[in-house]
PDB file of N, CA and C in Angstrom:
ATOM      1  N   UNK A   1      21.055  15.501  20.895  1.00  0.00           N
ATOM      2  CA  UNK A   1      22.393  16.037  20.879  1.00  0.00           C
ATOM      3  C   UNK A   1      22.426  17.332  20.076  1.00  0.00           C
ATOM      4  N   UNK A   2      21.703  17.361  18.995  1.00  0.00           N
ATOM      5  CA  UNK A   2      21.750  18.527  18.112  1.00  0.00           C
ATOM      6  C   UNK A   2      21.295  19.792  18.825  1.00  0.00           C
ATOM      7  N   UNK A   3      20.205  19.721  19.556  1.00  0.00           N
ATOM      8  CA  UNK A   3      19.680  20.906  20.225  1.00  0.00           C
ATOM      9  C   UNK A   3      20.648  21.439  21.270  1.00  0.00           C
ATOM     10  N   UNK A   4      21.228  20.558  22.034  1.00  0.00           N
ATOM     11  CA  UNK A   4      22.135  20.985  23.098  1.00  0.00           C
ATOM     12  C   UNK A   4      23.441  21.519  22.519  1.00  0.00           C
ATOM     13  N   UNK A   5      23.966  20.887  21.483  1.00  0.00           N
ATOM     14  CA  UNK A   5      25.218  21.359  20.895  1.00  0.00           C
ATOM     15  C   UNK A   5      25.020  22.656  20.114  1.00  0.00           C
ATOM     16  N   UNK A   6      23.787  22.971  19.756  1.00  0.00           N
ATOM     17  CA  UNK A   6      23.504  24.241  19.092  1.00  0.00           C
ATOM     18  C   UNK A   6      23.365  25.387  20.093  1.00  0.00           C
ATOM     19  N   UNK A   7      23.380  25.079  21.382  1.00  0.00           N
ATOM     20  CA  UNK A   7      23.381  26.135  22.381  1.00  0.00           C
ATOM     21  C   UNK A   7      22.164  26.197  23.283  1.00  0.00           C
ATOM     22  N   UNK A   8      21.193  25.333  23.086  1.00  0.00           N
ATOM     23  CA  UNK A   8      20.037  25.336  23.967  1.00  0.00           C
ATOM     24  C   UNK A   8      20.401  24.753  25.318  1.00  0.00           C
ATOM     25  N   UNK A   9      19.825  25.315  26.345  1.00  0.00           N
ATOM     26  CA  UNK A   9      20.037  24.761  27.681  1.00  0.00           C
ATOM     27  C   UNK A   9      19.231  23.465  27.794  1.00  0.00           C
ATOM     28  N   UNK A  10      19.580  22.642  28.773  1.00  0.00           N
ATOM     29  CA  UNK A  10      18.893  21.363  28.961  1.00  0.00           C
ATOM     30  C   UNK A  10      17.389  21.558  29.106  1.00  0.00           C
ATOM     31  N   UNK A  11      16.996  22.553  29.863  1.00  0.00           N
ATOM     32  CA  UNK A  11      15.577  22.818  30.097  1.00  0.00           C
ATOM     33  C   UNK A  11      14.861  23.188  28.803  1.00  0.00           C
ATOM     34  N   UNK A  12      15.509  23.979  27.956  1.00  0.00           N
ATOM     35  CA  UNK A  12      14.916  24.378  26.683  1.00  0.00           C
ATOM     36  C   UNK A  12      14.810  23.189  25.729  1.00  0.00           C
ATOM     37  N   UNK A  13      15.852  22.368  25.674  1.00  0.00           N
ATOM     38  CA  UNK A  13      15.827  21.185  24.812  1.00  0.00           C
ATOM     39  C   UNK A  13      14.742  20.218  25.275  1.00  0.00           C
ATOM     40  N   UNK A  14      14.596  20.079  26.587  1.00  0.00           N
ATOM     41  CA  UNK A  14      13.563  19.192  27.130  1.00  0.00           C
ATOM     42  C   UNK A  14      12.178  19.669  26.716  1.00  0.00           C
ATOM     43  N   UNK A  15      11.951  20.968  26.779  1.00  0.00           N
ATOM     44  CA  UNK A  15      10.661  21.513  26.383  1.00  0.00           C
ATOM     45  C   UNK A  15      10.397  21.266  24.900  1.00  0.00           C
ATOM     46  N   UNK A  16      11.412  21.500  24.058  1.00  0.00           N
ATOM     47  CA  UNK A  16      11.276  21.280  22.613  1.00  0.00           C
ATOM     48  C   UNK A  16      10.933  19.828  22.288  1.00  0.00           C
ATOM     49  N   UNK A  17      11.557  18.902  23.020  1.00  0.00           N
ATOM     50  CA  UNK A  17      11.366  17.475  22.744  1.00  0.00           C
ATOM     51  C   UNK A  17      10.190  16.865  23.504  1.00  0.00           C
ATOM     52  N   UNK A  18       9.678  17.595  24.491  1.00  0.00           N
ATOM     53  CA  UNK A  18       8.569  17.069  25.278  1.00  0.00           C
ATOM     54  C   UNK A  18       8.999  15.984  26.259  1.00  0.00           C
ATOM     55  N   UNK A  19      10.229  16.094  26.749  1.00  0.00           N
ATOM     56  CA  UNK A  19      10.741  15.127  27.720  1.00  0.00           C
ATOM     57  C   UNK A  19      11.247  15.894  28.942  1.00  0.00           C
ATOM     58  N   UNK A  20      11.658  15.168  29.967  1.00  0.00           N
ATOM     59  CA  UNK A  20      12.156  15.823  31.179  1.00  0.00           C
ATOM     60  C   UNK A  20      13.609  16.257  30.996  1.00  0.00           C
ATOM     61  N   UNK A  21      14.010  17.195  31.833  1.00  0.00           N
ATOM     62  CA  UNK A  21      15.382  17.695  31.786  1.00  0.00           C
ATOM     63  C   UNK A  21      16.374  16.587  32.130  1.00  0.00           C
ATOM     64  N   UNK A  22      15.980  15.707  33.017  1.00  0.00           N
ATOM     65  CA  UNK A  22      16.856  14.588  33.389  1.00  0.00           C
ATOM     66  C   UNK A  22      17.107  13.680  32.193  1.00  0.00           C
ATOM     67  N   UNK A  23      16.085  13.451  31.379  1.00  0.00           N
ATOM     68  CA  UNK A  23      16.263  12.615  30.182  1.00  0.00           C
ATOM     69  C   UNK A  23      17.223  13.273  29.201  1.00  0.00           C
ATOM     70  N   UNK A  24      17.175  14.595  29.085  1.00  0.00           N
ATOM     71  CA  UNK A  24      18.111  15.301  28.209  1.00  0.00           C
ATOM     72  C   UNK A  24      19.537  15.066  28.701  1.00  0.00           C
ATOM     73  N   UNK A  25      19.733  15.150  30.018  1.00  0.00           N
ATOM     74  CA  UNK A  25      21.061  14.917  30.584  1.00  0.00           C
ATOM     75  C   UNK A  25      21.535  13.498  30.313  1.00  0.00           C
ATOM     76  N   UNK A  26      20.632  12.527  30.418  1.00  0.00           N
ATOM     77  CA  UNK A  26      21.003  11.132  30.152  1.00  0.00           C
ATOM     78  C   UNK A  26      21.356  10.921  28.683  1.00  0.00           C
ATOM     79  N   UNK A  27      20.570  11.521  27.790  1.00  0.00           N
ATOM     80  CA  UNK A  27      20.857  11.397  26.354  1.00  0.00           C
ATOM     81  C   UNK A  27      22.175  12.078  26.002  1.00  0.00           C
ATOM     82  N   UNK A  28      22.441  13.233  26.635  1.00  0.00           N
ATOM     83  CA  UNK A  28      23.690  13.937  26.376  1.00  0.00           C
ATOM     84  C   UNK A  28      24.882  13.098  26.841  1.00  0.00           C
ATOM     85  N   UNK A  29      24.763  12.477  28.001  1.00  0.00           N
ATOM     86  CA  UNK A  29      25.836  11.620  28.505  1.00  0.00           C
ATOM     87  C   UNK A  29      26.057  10.429  27.578  1.00  0.00           C
ATOM     88  N   UNK A  30      24.975   9.874  27.068  1.00  0.00           N
ATOM     89  CA  UNK A  30      25.079   8.745  26.140  1.00  0.00           C
ATOM     90  C   UNK A  30      25.760   9.181  24.843  1.00  0.00           C
ATOM     91  N   UNK A  31      25.400  10.356  24.348  1.00  0.00           N
ATOM     92  CA  UNK A  31      26.014  10.868  23.121  1.00  0.00           C
ATOM     93  C   UNK A  31      27.499  11.121  23.327  1.00  0.00           C
ATOM     94  N   UNK A  32      27.869  11.643  24.494  1.00  0.00           N
ATOM     95  CA  UNK A  32      29.281  11.891  24.775  1.00  0.00           C
ATOM     96  C   UNK A  32      30.066  10.584  24.803  1.00  0.00           C
ATOM     97  N   UNK A  33      29.452   9.547  25.360  1.00  0.00           N
ATOM     98  CA  UNK A  33      30.105   8.246  25.413  1.00  0.00           C
ATOM     99  C   UNK A  33      30.273   7.663  24.009  1.00  0.00           C
ATOM    100  N   UNK A  34      29.216   7.737  23.196  1.00  0.00           N
ATOM    101  CA  UNK A  34      29.268   7.187  21.843  1.00  0.00           C
ATOM    102  C   UNK A  34      30.240   7.951  20.950  1.00  0.00           C
ATOM    103  N   UNK A  35      30.319   9.271  21.143  1.00  0.00           N
ATOM    104  CA  UNK A  35      31.206  10.098  20.328  1.00  0.00           C
ATOM    105  C   UNK A  35      32.622  10.145  20.898  1.00  0.00           C
ATOM    106  N   UNK A  36      32.845   9.484  22.039  1.00  0.00           N
ATOM    107  CA  UNK A  36      34.131   9.451  22.720  1.00  0.00           C
ATOM    108  C   UNK A  36      34.633  10.865  23.014  1.00  0.00           C
ATOM    109  N   UNK A  37      33.709  11.693  23.512  1.00  0.00           N
ATOM    110  CA  UNK A  37      34.036  13.073  23.873  1.00  0.00           C
ATOM    111  C   UNK A  37      34.300  13.142  25.374  1.00  0.00           C
ATOM    112  N   UNK A  38      35.407  13.748  25.742  1.00  0.00           N
ATOM    113  CA  UNK A  38      35.752  13.879  27.155  1.00  0.00           C
ATOM    114  C   UNK A  38      35.022  15.035  27.815  1.00  0.00           C
ATOM    115  N   UNK A  39      34.833  16.121  27.069  1.00  0.00           N
ATOM    116  CA  UNK A  39      34.150  17.296  27.596  1.00  0.00           C
ATOM    117  C   UNK A  39      33.005  17.681  26.667  1.00  0.00           C
ATOM    118  N   UNK A  40      32.152  18.572  27.173  1.00  0.00           N
ATOM    119  CA  UNK A  40      31.034  19.008  26.348  1.00  0.00           C
ATOM    120  C   UNK A  40      31.529  19.796  25.138  1.00  0.00           C
ATOM    121  N   UNK A  41      32.565  20.608  25.312  1.00  0.00           N
ATOM    122  CA  UNK A  41      33.095  21.361  24.180  1.00  0.00           C
ATOM    123  C   UNK A  41      33.688  20.425  23.125  1.00  0.00           C
ATOM    124  N   UNK A  42      34.240  19.312  23.558  1.00  0.00           N
ATOM    125  CA  UNK A  42      34.735  18.293  22.628  1.00  0.00           C
ATOM    126  C   UNK A  42      33.576  17.696  21.835  1.00  0.00           C
ATOM    127  N   UNK A  43      32.463  17.472  22.507  1.00  0.00           N
ATOM    128  CA  UNK A  43      31.269  16.959  21.832  1.00  0.00           C
ATOM    129  C   UNK A  43      30.770  17.942  20.784  1.00  0.00           C
ATOM    130  N   UNK A  44      30.783  19.224  21.108  1.00  0.00           N
ATOM    131  CA  UNK A  44      30.341  20.252  20.152  1.00  0.00           C
ATOM    132  C   UNK A  44      31.236  20.245  18.924  1.00  0.00           C
ATOM    133  N   UNK A  45      32.555  20.186  19.136  1.00  0.00           N
ATOM    134  CA  UNK A  45      33.475  20.155  18.000  1.00  0.00           C
ATOM    135  C   UNK A  45      33.250  18.928  17.119  1.00  0.00           C
ATOM    136  N   UNK A  46      33.062  17.787  17.743  1.00  0.00           N
ATOM    137  CA  UNK A  46      32.857  16.558  16.979  1.00  0.00           C
ATOM    138  C   UNK A  46      31.527  16.574  16.230  1.00  0.00           C
ATOM    139  N   UNK A  47      30.507  17.159  16.829  1.00  0.00           N
ATOM    140  CA  UNK A  47      29.206  17.223  16.148  1.00  0.00           C
ATOM    141  C   UNK A  47      29.264  18.154  14.953  1.00  0.00           C
ATOM    142  N   UNK A  48      30.095  19.208  15.033  1.00  0.00           N
ATOM    143  CA  UNK A  48      30.249  20.110  13.887  1.00  0.00           C
ATOM    144  C   UNK A  48      30.921  19.406  12.721  1.00  0.00           C
ATOM    145  N   UNK A  49      31.820  18.479  13.018  1.00  0.00           N
ATOM    146  CA  UNK A  49      32.484  17.728  11.943  1.00  0.00           C
ATOM    147  C   UNK A  49      31.511  16.818  11.207  1.00  0.00           C
ATOM    148  N   UNK A  50      30.460  16.388  11.899  1.00  0.00           N
ATOM    149  CA  UNK A  50      29.469  15.504  11.278  1.00  0.00           C
ATOM    150  C   UNK A  50      28.548  16.237  10.304  1.00  0.00           C
ATOM    151  N   UNK A  51      28.445  17.524  10.491  1.00  0.00           N
ATOM    152  CA  UNK A  51      27.494  18.287   9.654  1.00  0.00           C
ATOM    153  C   UNK A  51      28.082  18.761   8.399  1.00  0.00           C
TER     154      UNK A  51
END
């Protein structure tokens, strides 16, 4: 979640983590569900509050 909310594209985050782009999308969807974020921008705002 951190890499994507910091502005990296899915493909870049996947490369950094050594996983596939599809896995990044699945993890992002899971994070949005856990954080109760309706949109990606909502997820970014909520992640900033955690830091």
